[in-house]
N, C-alpha and C. Protein backbone atom coordinates (compact mmCIF):
# COMPACT_ATOMS: atom_id res chain seq x y z
N MET A 1 26.22 -11.94 15.05
CA MET A 1 25.71 -13.33 14.98
C MET A 1 25.97 -14.96 15.69
N SER A 2 25.04 -15.08 16.59
CA SER A 2 25.90 -15.95 17.74
C SER A 2 26.28 -17.14 16.35
N ALA A 3 26.79 -18.33 17.27
CA ALA A 3 28.06 -19.11 17.04
C ALA A 3 27.41 -19.91 15.73
N MET A 4 25.74 -20.24 16.35
CA MET A 4 24.94 -21.30 15.09
C MET A 4 25.47 -20.53 13.86
N GLU A 5 25.04 -19.25 13.56
CA GLU A 5 24.96 -18.73 12.18
C GLU A 5 26.29 -18.67 11.42
N TYR A 6 26.75 -18.23 12.87
CA TYR A 6 29.06 -18.46 11.90
C TYR A 6 29.20 -19.99 11.53
N GLY A 7 28.72 -20.79 12.29
CA GLY A 7 29.58 -22.21 11.64
C GLY A 7 28.83 -22.65 10.51
N ASN A 8 27.21 -21.85 10.45
CA ASN A 8 26.48 -22.24 9.30
C ASN A 8 27.12 -21.25 7.52
N LEU A 9 27.31 -20.71 8.16
CA LEU A 9 28.35 -19.20 7.07
C LEU A 9 29.39 -20.63 6.84
N ALA A 10 29.76 -20.61 7.75
CA ALA A 10 31.81 -21.52 7.38
C ALA A 10 31.14 -22.92 6.41
N TYR A 11 30.42 -23.78 7.12
CA TYR A 11 30.07 -24.96 6.06
C TYR A 11 29.40 -24.44 4.86
N LEU A 12 28.58 -22.77 4.73
CA LEU A 12 28.44 -22.95 3.02
C LEU A 12 29.52 -22.16 2.41
N VAL A 13 30.60 -21.30 2.91
CA VAL A 13 31.77 -21.17 2.50
C VAL A 13 32.99 -22.36 1.77
N LEU A 14 32.82 -23.28 2.54
CA LEU A 14 33.40 -24.70 2.61
C LEU A 14 32.59 -25.41 1.33
N LEU A 15 31.73 -25.33 1.41
CA LEU A 15 30.94 -26.11 0.11
C LEU A 15 30.97 -25.61 -0.90
N GLY A 16 30.97 -24.32 -1.14
CA GLY A 16 31.15 -23.19 -2.26
C GLY A 16 32.35 -23.58 -2.93
N ALA A 17 33.27 -23.27 -1.50
CA ALA A 17 34.76 -23.79 -2.01
C ALA A 17 35.09 -24.69 -2.74
N VAL A 18 34.45 -26.06 -2.44
CA VAL A 18 35.05 -27.17 -3.17
C VAL A 18 33.93 -27.35 -4.43
N ILE A 19 32.81 -26.65 -4.51
CA ILE A 19 31.75 -27.00 -5.97
C ILE A 19 32.98 -25.91 -6.74
N VAL A 20 33.36 -25.20 -6.27
CA VAL A 20 33.88 -23.99 -6.84
C VAL A 20 35.41 -24.45 -7.98
N PHE A 21 35.64 -25.55 -7.04
CA PHE A 21 36.90 -26.39 -6.64
C PHE A 21 36.48 -27.36 -7.96
N TRP A 22 35.77 -27.98 -7.79
CA TRP A 22 35.03 -29.15 -8.28
C TRP A 22 35.04 -28.37 -9.96
N PHE A 23 34.14 -27.23 -9.74
CA PHE A 23 33.96 -27.37 -11.29
C PHE A 23 35.06 -26.92 -12.37
N PHE A 24 36.06 -26.06 -11.71
CA PHE A 24 36.86 -25.78 -12.18
C PHE A 24 38.11 -26.73 -12.60
N ILE A 25 38.34 -28.13 -12.37
CA ILE A 25 38.82 -29.20 -12.16
C ILE A 25 38.59 -29.61 -13.91
N GLN A 26 37.46 -30.28 -13.70
CA GLN A 26 36.56 -30.70 -14.80
C GLN A 26 36.34 -29.89 -15.71
N ASN A 27 36.62 -28.24 -15.72
CA ASN A 27 36.43 -27.94 -17.27
C ASN A 27 37.67 -27.30 -17.46
N ARG A 28 38.74 -27.62 -17.55
CA ARG A 28 40.14 -26.52 -17.37
C ARG A 28 39.87 -26.65 -18.78
N GLN A 29 40.32 -27.24 -19.52
CA GLN A 29 39.82 -27.12 -20.80
C GLN A 29 39.52 -25.31 -21.30
N GLY A 30 37.92 -25.80 -21.25
CA GLY A 30 37.17 -24.16 -21.59
C GLY A 30 37.34 -23.22 -20.59
N LEU A 31 38.41 -22.24 -19.92
CA LEU A 31 38.63 -21.67 -18.85
C LEU A 31 37.55 -20.37 -18.79
N ASN A 32 37.27 -19.96 -19.99
CA ASN A 32 36.27 -19.08 -21.02
C ASN A 32 34.64 -19.32 -20.46
N LYS A 33 34.76 -20.04 -20.91
CA LYS A 33 33.32 -21.22 -21.04
C LYS A 33 32.69 -21.68 -19.39
N THR A 34 33.88 -22.15 -18.46
CA THR A 34 34.41 -21.98 -17.17
C THR A 34 33.89 -21.20 -16.50
N LEU A 35 34.30 -19.92 -16.76
CA LEU A 35 34.09 -18.67 -15.36
C LEU A 35 32.50 -18.14 -16.36
N GLN A 36 32.01 -18.33 -17.53
CA GLN A 36 30.93 -17.92 -17.96
C GLN A 36 29.94 -18.82 -17.03
N GLN A 37 29.60 -19.63 -16.81
CA GLN A 37 29.00 -20.95 -15.45
C GLN A 37 28.99 -20.73 -15.09
N GLY A 38 30.45 -20.49 -13.56
CA GLY A 38 30.64 -20.17 -12.87
C GLY A 38 29.67 -19.09 -12.13
N ALA A 39 29.90 -17.71 -12.86
CA ALA A 39 29.06 -16.55 -12.79
C ALA A 39 27.55 -16.72 -12.81
N VAL A 40 27.21 -17.25 -14.00
CA VAL A 40 25.74 -17.95 -12.98
C VAL A 40 25.70 -18.71 -12.45
N TRP A 41 26.29 -19.66 -12.19
CA TRP A 41 25.66 -20.39 -10.14
C TRP A 41 26.17 -19.32 -9.13
N GLY A 42 26.73 -18.72 -9.75
CA GLY A 42 27.50 -17.21 -8.79
C GLY A 42 25.83 -16.41 -8.50
N LEU A 43 25.25 -16.16 -9.44
CA LEU A 43 23.85 -15.38 -9.57
C LEU A 43 22.80 -16.54 -8.92
N ILE A 44 22.75 -17.15 -9.44
CA ILE A 44 21.84 -17.68 -8.60
C ILE A 44 22.05 -18.55 -7.05
N PHE A 45 22.83 -18.83 -7.01
CA PHE A 45 23.18 -19.00 -5.02
C PHE A 45 23.21 -17.59 -4.56
N LEU A 46 23.52 -16.13 -5.01
CA LEU A 46 22.49 -14.99 -4.53
C LEU A 46 21.91 -14.81 -4.65
N GLY A 47 20.80 -14.93 -5.77
CA GLY A 47 19.18 -14.99 -5.55
C GLY A 47 18.60 -16.14 -4.59
N VAL A 48 18.91 -16.88 -4.38
CA VAL A 48 18.72 -18.29 -3.54
C VAL A 48 18.88 -17.55 -2.18
N ILE A 49 20.16 -16.61 -1.32
CA ILE A 49 20.22 -16.25 -0.46
C ILE A 49 19.74 -15.21 -0.16
N ALA A 50 19.36 -14.48 -0.89
CA ALA A 50 18.49 -13.33 -1.34
C ALA A 50 17.12 -13.46 -0.94
N ALA A 51 15.93 -14.43 -1.72
CA ALA A 51 15.16 -14.80 -1.64
C ALA A 51 15.28 -15.29 0.19
N VAL A 52 16.24 -16.18 0.29
CA VAL A 52 15.72 -16.75 2.29
C VAL A 52 15.57 -15.78 2.93
N GLY A 53 16.79 -14.57 2.35
CA GLY A 53 15.99 -13.19 3.64
C GLY A 53 15.48 -12.48 3.97
N LEU A 54 14.95 -12.28 2.59
CA LEU A 54 13.89 -11.61 2.48
C LEU A 54 12.30 -12.60 2.45
N TRP A 55 12.31 -13.87 2.79
CA TRP A 55 11.31 -14.47 2.38
C TRP A 55 9.93 -14.30 3.88
N GLY A 56 10.56 -13.83 4.97
CA GLY A 56 9.35 -12.83 5.90
C GLY A 56 8.77 -11.83 5.35
N ASP A 57 9.10 -11.09 4.81
CA ASP A 57 8.93 -9.76 4.75
C ASP A 57 7.85 -10.20 2.60
N ILE A 58 8.31 -11.04 2.28
CA ILE A 58 7.54 -11.38 1.13
C ILE A 58 6.71 -11.73 1.43
N ARG A 59 6.90 -12.96 2.48
CA ARG A 59 5.14 -13.35 2.88
C ARG A 59 4.11 -12.82 3.46
N GLN A 60 4.91 -11.58 4.53
CA GLN A 60 3.94 -10.58 4.69
C GLN A 60 3.50 -9.42 4.26
N THR A 61 4.01 -9.47 2.71
CA THR A 61 3.21 -8.62 1.26
C THR A 61 2.43 -9.35 0.96
N VAL A 62 2.76 -10.87 0.54
CA VAL A 62 1.76 -11.68 -0.29
C VAL A 62 0.08 -12.08 0.20
N GLN A 63 1.04 -12.24 2.10
CA GLN A 63 -0.47 -13.02 2.68
C GLN A 63 -1.63 -12.14 2.92
N PRO A 64 -2.16 -12.88 2.85
CA PRO A 64 -4.23 -12.31 2.35
C PRO A 64 -4.43 -11.68 4.04
N GLN A 65 -5.30 -10.49 3.30
CA GLN A 65 -5.89 -9.62 4.61
C GLN A 65 -7.35 -9.62 4.76
N GLN A 66 -7.38 -8.88 6.29
CA GLN A 66 -8.94 -8.63 6.19
C GLN A 66 -9.74 -8.92 5.28
N LEU A 67 -10.45 -8.86 5.24
CA LEU A 67 -12.13 -8.47 4.30
C LEU A 67 -12.72 -7.91 4.55
N VAL A 68 -13.18 -6.26 4.32
CA VAL A 68 -14.38 -5.67 6.06
C VAL A 68 -15.57 -5.51 4.38
N MET A 69 -16.57 -6.27 4.89
CA MET A 69 -17.85 -5.97 3.82
C MET A 69 -18.68 -4.60 4.47
N SER A 70 -18.59 -3.07 4.60
CA SER A 70 -19.20 -2.59 5.83
C SER A 70 -20.71 -2.27 5.10
N GLU A 71 -21.48 -2.99 4.06
CA GLU A 71 -22.68 -2.70 4.05
C GLU A 71 -23.28 -3.71 3.98
N THR A 72 -23.17 -4.92 4.41
CA THR A 72 -23.73 -6.32 5.40
C THR A 72 -23.32 -6.32 6.78
N GLY A 73 -22.34 -5.75 7.21
CA GLY A 73 -21.60 -5.69 8.70
C GLY A 73 -20.56 -6.77 8.61
N ARG A 74 -19.91 -7.65 7.81
CA ARG A 74 -19.02 -8.41 7.66
C ARG A 74 -17.83 -8.30 7.75
N ILE A 75 -17.29 -9.19 7.71
CA ILE A 75 -15.66 -8.84 8.44
C ILE A 75 -15.62 -10.77 8.20
N GLU A 76 -14.15 -11.11 6.76
CA GLU A 76 -13.63 -12.61 6.76
C GLU A 76 -12.45 -11.83 6.83
N VAL A 77 -11.99 -12.96 7.56
CA VAL A 77 -10.28 -12.83 7.75
C VAL A 77 -9.72 -14.70 7.11
N PRO A 78 -9.07 -14.59 6.01
CA PRO A 78 -8.58 -15.72 5.50
C PRO A 78 -7.68 -16.46 7.10
N ARG A 79 -7.29 -17.87 7.21
CA ARG A 79 -6.46 -17.99 8.08
C ARG A 79 -4.60 -17.87 7.17
N GLY A 80 -4.27 -17.69 8.57
CA GLY A 80 -2.92 -17.63 7.95
C GLY A 80 -1.84 -18.34 7.97
N PRO A 81 -0.86 -18.21 7.25
CA PRO A 81 0.07 -19.60 6.72
C PRO A 81 0.31 -20.44 8.05
N ASP A 82 0.46 -19.56 9.13
CA ASP A 82 0.61 -20.72 10.34
C ASP A 82 -0.75 -21.41 10.65
N GLY A 83 -1.54 -21.25 10.39
CA GLY A 83 -3.17 -21.79 10.65
C GLY A 83 -3.53 -21.14 11.85
N HIS A 84 -3.02 -20.09 12.24
CA HIS A 84 -4.12 -18.78 13.41
C HIS A 84 -4.60 -17.97 12.60
N TYR A 85 -5.76 -16.90 12.71
CA TYR A 85 -6.44 -16.26 12.38
C TYR A 85 -6.05 -14.40 12.85
N TYR A 86 -5.54 -14.12 12.40
CA TYR A 86 -5.20 -12.16 12.34
C TYR A 86 -5.94 -10.99 12.02
N LEU A 87 -6.14 -10.77 13.41
CA LEU A 87 -7.73 -9.09 13.06
C LEU A 87 -6.76 -8.21 13.28
N THR A 88 -5.93 -6.76 12.43
CA THR A 88 -6.01 -6.08 13.32
C THR A 88 -6.91 -5.13 13.32
N LEU A 89 -7.02 -4.37 14.74
CA LEU A 89 -7.87 -3.35 15.27
C LEU A 89 -7.15 -1.99 15.19
N GLU A 90 -8.16 -1.13 15.15
CA GLU A 90 -7.41 0.45 15.64
C GLU A 90 -8.21 1.01 16.47
N ILE A 91 -7.02 1.19 17.24
CA ILE A 91 -6.90 1.09 18.57
C ILE A 91 -6.51 2.49 19.04
N ASN A 92 -7.37 3.43 19.18
CA ASN A 92 -6.99 4.82 19.50
C ASN A 92 -6.33 5.65 18.26
N ASP A 93 -7.56 5.10 17.05
CA ASP A 93 -6.26 5.26 15.45
C ASP A 93 -5.19 4.94 15.80
N ALA A 94 -4.19 4.18 16.10
CA ALA A 94 -3.29 3.61 16.00
C ALA A 94 -3.68 1.78 15.38
N PRO A 95 -3.05 1.13 14.46
CA PRO A 95 -3.41 0.24 14.46
C PRO A 95 -1.88 -1.17 14.77
N VAL A 96 -3.26 -2.17 15.63
CA VAL A 96 -2.67 -3.02 16.38
C VAL A 96 -3.03 -4.36 15.78
N ARG A 97 -1.82 -5.32 15.62
CA ARG A 97 -2.09 -6.52 14.61
C ARG A 97 -2.58 -7.91 15.97
N PHE A 98 -3.42 -8.25 16.10
CA PHE A 98 -3.83 -9.61 17.13
C PHE A 98 -3.88 -10.85 16.59
N VAL A 99 -3.11 -11.95 17.36
CA VAL A 99 -3.85 -13.26 16.81
C VAL A 99 -4.98 -13.20 17.52
N VAL A 100 -6.11 -14.46 16.57
CA VAL A 100 -7.74 -14.46 17.46
C VAL A 100 -7.17 -15.88 18.43
N ASP A 101 -7.93 -15.83 19.38
CA ASP A 101 -7.39 -16.49 20.52
C ASP A 101 -8.49 -16.80 21.18
N THR A 102 -9.33 -18.03 20.49
CA THR A 102 -11.02 -17.83 20.88
C THR A 102 -10.53 -19.33 22.45
N GLY A 103 -9.33 -19.68 23.39
CA GLY A 103 -8.53 -19.26 24.11
C GLY A 103 -9.46 -18.60 25.34
N ALA A 104 -8.96 -17.44 25.33
CA ALA A 104 -8.62 -16.13 25.87
C ALA A 104 -9.66 -15.84 26.31
N THR A 105 -9.81 -15.27 27.60
CA THR A 105 -11.10 -14.50 28.08
C THR A 105 -10.78 -13.23 27.63
N SER A 106 -10.04 -12.52 27.53
CA SER A 106 -9.77 -11.05 27.93
C SER A 106 -9.24 -10.65 26.49
N MET A 107 -9.20 -8.98 26.05
CA MET A 107 -7.70 -8.57 24.99
C MET A 107 -6.69 -8.71 26.27
N VAL A 108 -5.67 -9.04 25.30
CA VAL A 108 -4.34 -8.84 25.82
C VAL A 108 -3.33 -8.23 25.31
N LEU A 109 -2.44 -6.81 25.78
CA LEU A 109 -1.84 -6.16 24.74
C LEU A 109 -0.42 -7.02 25.16
N THR A 110 -0.24 -6.60 24.08
CA THR A 110 1.77 -6.72 24.72
C THR A 110 2.39 -5.39 25.26
N GLN A 111 3.24 -5.18 25.56
CA GLN A 111 3.57 -3.93 26.22
C GLN A 111 3.79 -3.11 25.00
N LYS A 112 4.36 -3.08 23.89
CA LYS A 112 5.30 -2.31 23.14
C LYS A 112 3.28 -1.90 22.22
N ASP A 113 2.69 -3.14 21.93
CA ASP A 113 1.45 -1.95 21.25
C ASP A 113 0.61 -1.19 22.61
N ALA A 114 0.78 -1.64 23.78
CA ALA A 114 0.18 -0.63 24.31
C ALA A 114 0.62 0.90 24.72
N ALA A 115 1.89 0.80 24.75
CA ALA A 115 2.92 2.12 24.71
C ALA A 115 2.23 2.62 23.35
N ARG A 116 2.09 1.95 21.74
CA ARG A 116 1.77 2.47 20.43
C ARG A 116 -0.02 3.30 20.81
N VAL A 117 -0.50 2.73 21.44
CA VAL A 117 -1.46 2.75 21.27
C VAL A 117 -2.40 4.35 22.49
N GLY A 118 -0.86 4.32 23.12
CA GLY A 118 -0.95 5.40 24.09
C GLY A 118 -1.13 5.69 25.41
N LEU A 119 -0.89 4.04 25.97
CA LEU A 119 -1.04 4.14 27.35
C LEU A 119 0.56 4.17 27.66
N LYS A 120 -0.12 4.64 29.25
CA LYS A 120 1.72 5.63 29.45
C LYS A 120 2.07 4.24 30.46
N ASP A 121 2.84 5.02 31.17
CA ASP A 121 3.70 4.08 31.61
C ASP A 121 2.49 4.05 33.59
N GLU A 122 2.10 5.36 34.14
CA GLU A 122 1.44 5.44 34.65
C GLU A 122 0.25 5.12 34.29
N ASP A 123 -0.15 4.32 33.66
CA ASP A 123 -1.52 4.06 33.29
C ASP A 123 -1.62 1.98 33.49
N VAL A 124 -0.48 1.76 33.13
CA VAL A 124 -0.26 0.38 33.33
C VAL A 124 0.72 -0.16 34.68
N ILE A 125 -0.24 -0.59 35.94
CA ILE A 125 -0.11 -1.21 37.11
C ILE A 125 -0.08 -2.62 36.70
N PHE A 126 0.12 -3.30 36.94
CA PHE A 126 0.51 -4.78 37.20
C PHE A 126 0.31 -4.77 38.66
N TYR A 127 -0.87 -5.06 38.78
CA TYR A 127 -1.20 -5.87 40.16
C TYR A 127 -2.41 -6.77 39.96
N THR A 128 -2.65 -7.18 38.83
CA THR A 128 -3.57 -8.48 38.54
C THR A 128 -2.74 -9.57 37.99
N GLU A 129 -3.50 -10.87 38.22
CA GLU A 129 -2.51 -11.47 37.55
C GLU A 129 -3.54 -12.78 36.69
N ALA A 130 -2.98 -12.80 35.72
CA ALA A 130 -3.30 -14.40 34.42
C ALA A 130 -2.69 -15.86 34.61
N MET A 131 -3.87 -16.58 34.54
CA MET A 131 -2.79 -18.44 34.22
C MET A 131 -3.07 -18.20 32.80
N THR A 132 -1.77 -17.97 32.38
CA THR A 132 -1.45 -19.10 31.06
C THR A 132 -0.96 -20.63 31.00
N ALA A 133 -0.72 -20.30 29.66
CA ALA A 133 -0.12 -22.13 29.89
C ALA A 133 1.04 -22.26 30.06
N ASN A 134 2.05 -21.37 30.17
CA ASN A 134 3.32 -21.39 30.72
C ASN A 134 3.25 -20.73 32.17
N GLY A 135 2.25 -20.98 32.75
CA GLY A 135 1.85 -20.27 34.16
C GLY A 135 1.58 -18.73 34.57
N PRO A 136 1.81 -18.87 36.09
CA PRO A 136 0.85 -17.22 36.10
C PRO A 136 1.92 -16.06 35.93
N VAL A 137 1.03 -15.26 34.60
CA VAL A 137 1.83 -14.37 34.90
C VAL A 137 1.21 -12.86 35.54
N ARG A 138 1.73 -11.66 35.27
CA ARG A 138 1.25 -10.36 36.43
C ARG A 138 0.50 -9.48 35.16
N THR A 139 -0.77 -8.90 34.69
CA THR A 139 -1.14 -8.15 33.67
C THR A 139 -1.72 -6.48 34.40
N ALA A 140 -2.03 -6.08 34.20
CA ALA A 140 -2.53 -4.52 33.84
C ALA A 140 -4.01 -4.28 33.65
N PRO A 141 -5.00 -3.91 34.28
CA PRO A 141 -5.97 -3.52 33.67
C PRO A 141 -6.13 -2.57 32.93
N VAL A 142 -6.34 -2.54 32.10
CA VAL A 142 -6.50 -1.00 31.51
C VAL A 142 -7.32 -0.38 30.68
N ARG A 143 -8.19 0.42 30.45
CA ARG A 143 -9.10 0.60 29.76
C ARG A 143 -9.03 1.32 28.14
N LEU A 144 -9.02 0.78 27.22
CA LEU A 144 -9.06 1.95 25.93
C LEU A 144 -10.48 2.67 25.50
N ALA A 145 -9.79 3.66 25.00
CA ALA A 145 -10.63 4.80 24.77
C ALA A 145 -11.68 4.71 23.57
N ASP A 146 -11.10 3.89 22.58
CA ASP A 146 -11.61 3.13 20.98
C ASP A 146 -11.30 2.44 20.53
N VAL A 147 -11.82 1.77 20.16
CA VAL A 147 -11.60 0.06 19.54
C VAL A 147 -12.47 -0.07 18.16
N ALA A 148 -11.52 0.15 17.18
CA ALA A 148 -12.46 -0.11 15.69
C ALA A 148 -11.91 -0.80 14.77
N LEU A 149 -12.96 -1.98 14.61
CA LEU A 149 -13.06 -2.73 13.84
C LEU A 149 -13.66 -2.97 12.20
N GLY A 150 -12.81 -2.36 11.18
CA GLY A 150 -13.76 -2.03 9.95
C GLY A 150 -14.40 -0.48 10.17
N PRO A 151 -15.89 -0.79 10.13
CA PRO A 151 -16.96 0.27 10.50
C PRO A 151 -17.42 -0.01 12.18
N PHE A 152 -17.12 -0.38 13.08
CA PHE A 152 -17.38 -1.51 13.98
C PHE A 152 -16.15 0.11 15.16
N HIS A 153 -17.32 0.27 15.51
CA HIS A 153 -16.03 1.13 17.23
C HIS A 153 -17.34 0.76 18.37
N ASP A 154 -16.38 0.51 19.62
CA ASP A 154 -16.73 0.24 20.63
C ASP A 154 -15.28 0.95 21.74
N ARG A 155 -16.05 1.66 22.42
CA ARG A 155 -15.46 2.58 23.49
C ARG A 155 -15.72 2.01 24.45
N ASP A 156 -14.36 2.95 25.51
CA ASP A 156 -14.02 2.39 26.43
C ASP A 156 -14.20 0.45 26.81
N VAL A 157 -13.47 0.45 26.33
CA VAL A 157 -13.16 -2.21 26.51
C VAL A 157 -12.33 -1.88 27.50
N ARG A 158 -12.89 -2.45 27.91
CA ARG A 158 -11.37 -3.40 29.21
C ARG A 158 -10.96 -4.21 28.50
N ALA A 159 -9.54 -4.02 28.77
CA ALA A 159 -8.37 -5.22 28.30
C ALA A 159 -7.02 -5.47 29.17
N PHE A 160 -6.40 -6.20 29.13
CA PHE A 160 -5.13 -6.38 29.79
C PHE A 160 -3.64 -5.98 28.96
N VAL A 161 -2.27 -4.97 29.33
CA VAL A 161 -1.53 -5.47 29.40
C VAL A 161 -0.60 -7.05 29.77
N ASN A 162 -0.10 -7.46 29.35
CA ASN A 162 0.74 -8.68 30.04
C ASN A 162 2.41 -7.78 30.13
N GLU A 163 2.50 -8.53 31.76
CA GLU A 163 3.68 -8.14 31.91
C GLU A 163 5.11 -8.95 31.04
N GLY A 164 4.73 -10.28 30.89
CA GLY A 164 5.53 -10.96 30.44
C GLY A 164 5.55 -10.69 28.51
N GLU A 165 6.65 -11.42 28.18
CA GLU A 165 7.64 -11.81 27.10
C GLU A 165 5.89 -12.26 25.79
N MET A 166 5.41 -11.28 25.20
CA MET A 166 4.41 -11.94 23.91
C MET A 166 4.39 -10.85 22.49
N SER A 167 4.95 -12.29 21.33
CA SER A 167 5.22 -11.72 20.53
C SER A 167 4.09 -11.45 19.73
N LYS A 168 2.33 -11.31 19.66
CA LYS A 168 1.73 -11.08 19.67
C LYS A 168 0.61 -10.26 20.54
N SER A 169 -0.33 -9.48 20.25
CA SER A 169 -1.41 -8.84 21.33
C SER A 169 -2.86 -10.13 20.53
N LEU A 170 -3.57 -10.89 22.19
CA LEU A 170 -4.41 -11.45 21.89
C LEU A 170 -5.52 -10.91 22.01
N LEU A 171 -6.63 -11.31 21.39
CA LEU A 171 -7.76 -10.21 21.16
C LEU A 171 -8.80 -12.49 20.63
N GLY A 172 -9.67 -12.05 22.77
CA GLY A 172 -10.27 -13.45 23.56
C GLY A 172 -12.04 -13.10 22.94
N MET A 173 -12.26 -13.60 24.18
CA MET A 173 -13.66 -13.72 23.14
C MET A 173 -14.42 -12.64 24.45
N GLU A 174 -14.17 -11.72 25.40
CA GLU A 174 -14.72 -10.68 25.70
C GLU A 174 -15.16 -9.90 24.46
N TYR A 175 -13.92 -9.69 23.62
CA TYR A 175 -14.41 -9.34 22.23
C TYR A 175 -14.90 -9.68 21.17
N LEU A 176 -15.17 -10.71 21.39
CA LEU A 176 -15.48 -11.52 20.02
C LEU A 176 -16.92 -11.86 20.04
N ASN A 177 -17.49 -11.52 21.43
CA ASN A 177 -18.44 -11.68 21.26
C ASN A 177 -19.17 -10.97 21.50
N ARG A 178 -18.47 -9.59 20.97
CA ARG A 178 -19.90 -8.23 20.91
C ARG A 178 -20.33 -8.79 19.83
N PHE A 179 -19.77 -9.75 18.60
CA PHE A 179 -20.44 -9.77 17.32
C PHE A 179 -21.41 -10.67 17.79
N ALA A 180 -22.94 -10.51 16.11
CA ALA A 180 -23.57 -11.44 16.58
C ALA A 180 -23.65 -13.13 16.21
N ARG A 181 -22.55 -12.51 15.18
CA ARG A 181 -22.21 -14.44 15.02
C ARG A 181 -20.79 -14.14 14.94
N LEU A 182 -20.39 -15.30 15.06
CA LEU A 182 -18.71 -16.00 14.99
C LEU A 182 -19.03 -17.39 14.57
N GLU A 183 -17.72 -17.05 13.52
CA GLU A 183 -18.04 -18.82 12.43
C GLU A 183 -16.95 -18.69 12.00
N ILE A 184 -16.14 -20.34 12.16
CA ILE A 184 -14.88 -20.54 11.61
C ILE A 184 -15.68 -21.01 10.14
N ASN A 185 -15.35 -21.20 9.43
CA ASN A 185 -16.00 -22.07 7.82
C ASN A 185 -14.62 -22.21 7.00
N ASN A 186 -14.43 -22.81 6.16
CA ASN A 186 -13.57 -23.44 5.13
C ASN A 186 -12.57 -21.84 5.14
N GLY A 187 -11.52 -21.97 5.98
CA GLY A 187 -10.44 -21.82 5.82
C GLY A 187 -10.67 -20.16 6.34
N ARG A 188 -11.78 -19.68 6.64
CA ARG A 188 -12.47 -18.10 6.94
C ARG A 188 -12.58 -18.01 8.49
N LEU A 189 -12.20 -16.94 8.60
CA LEU A 189 -13.38 -16.64 10.25
C LEU A 189 -14.32 -15.17 9.77
N ILE A 190 -14.84 -15.12 10.35
CA ILE A 190 -16.11 -15.44 9.57
C ILE A 190 -16.89 -14.15 11.32
N LEU A 191 -17.00 -12.80 10.99
CA LEU A 191 -17.80 -12.18 12.28
C LEU A 191 -18.51 -11.18 11.61
N GLU A 192 -19.75 -11.05 12.11
CA GLU A 192 -21.05 -9.88 11.62
C GLU A 192 -21.34 -9.71 12.91
N ARG A 193 -22.05 -8.37 12.65
CA ARG A 193 -22.37 -7.37 13.14
C ARG A 193 -23.96 -7.23 13.24
C-alpha cells in the first residue's frame, strides 16, 4: 500500500471510531438495541467497501459486448463507459482487446499482447520509430499470421509492437479500412464487409 492509501485507511478508521463512539453515547440506555443497529451499520459499511473494491470486476461483467451478425457481415460495438470503442480480435487464436483509435495509422500491440499472440523476442526488434502524443517511441514491425474479427479472417496482417508502456493495444485505420463501411452512429461503432 502507498502512503496515500495508508492515510485514507487511517482516516476511515478514525471516522468509523468517532461514529461508533457517538452512536454508543447517544444510545447508552438501550445497549442491546444499540448493538443490533451497530451490527446493521457495520454490514452496510462492509457491503459498500466490497462494492467499491469489486467495481472494476462488476463493470467488466455488465459492460456491453460487441455484437457479430455473421449472416449480414455486420459488427456492432457499443461505446464503452469511458467513451471509447473496444474490439476483441482473435490473433493467432488468442483474444486481444483493442481500443479503436481512428487517429492511429496502424495496429499497435502492447508487448504483453505480442507475447500472448505468440511473437517471440527474436520476432520483435525495435528499429522503427513512431510519433505519439507523448513524443517519439520505438516500435517493432511484425506480421500477424491470422487476425479474426467475428467471421472475418485476414492473413499476414502488418502491425507494430510498441516499446513504450501502453494499457491497451490500438486498432488503427490501416486495419479498419479493410471494411467497406465504418460508421459511428447513436453510440455504436458499425463495421460491415
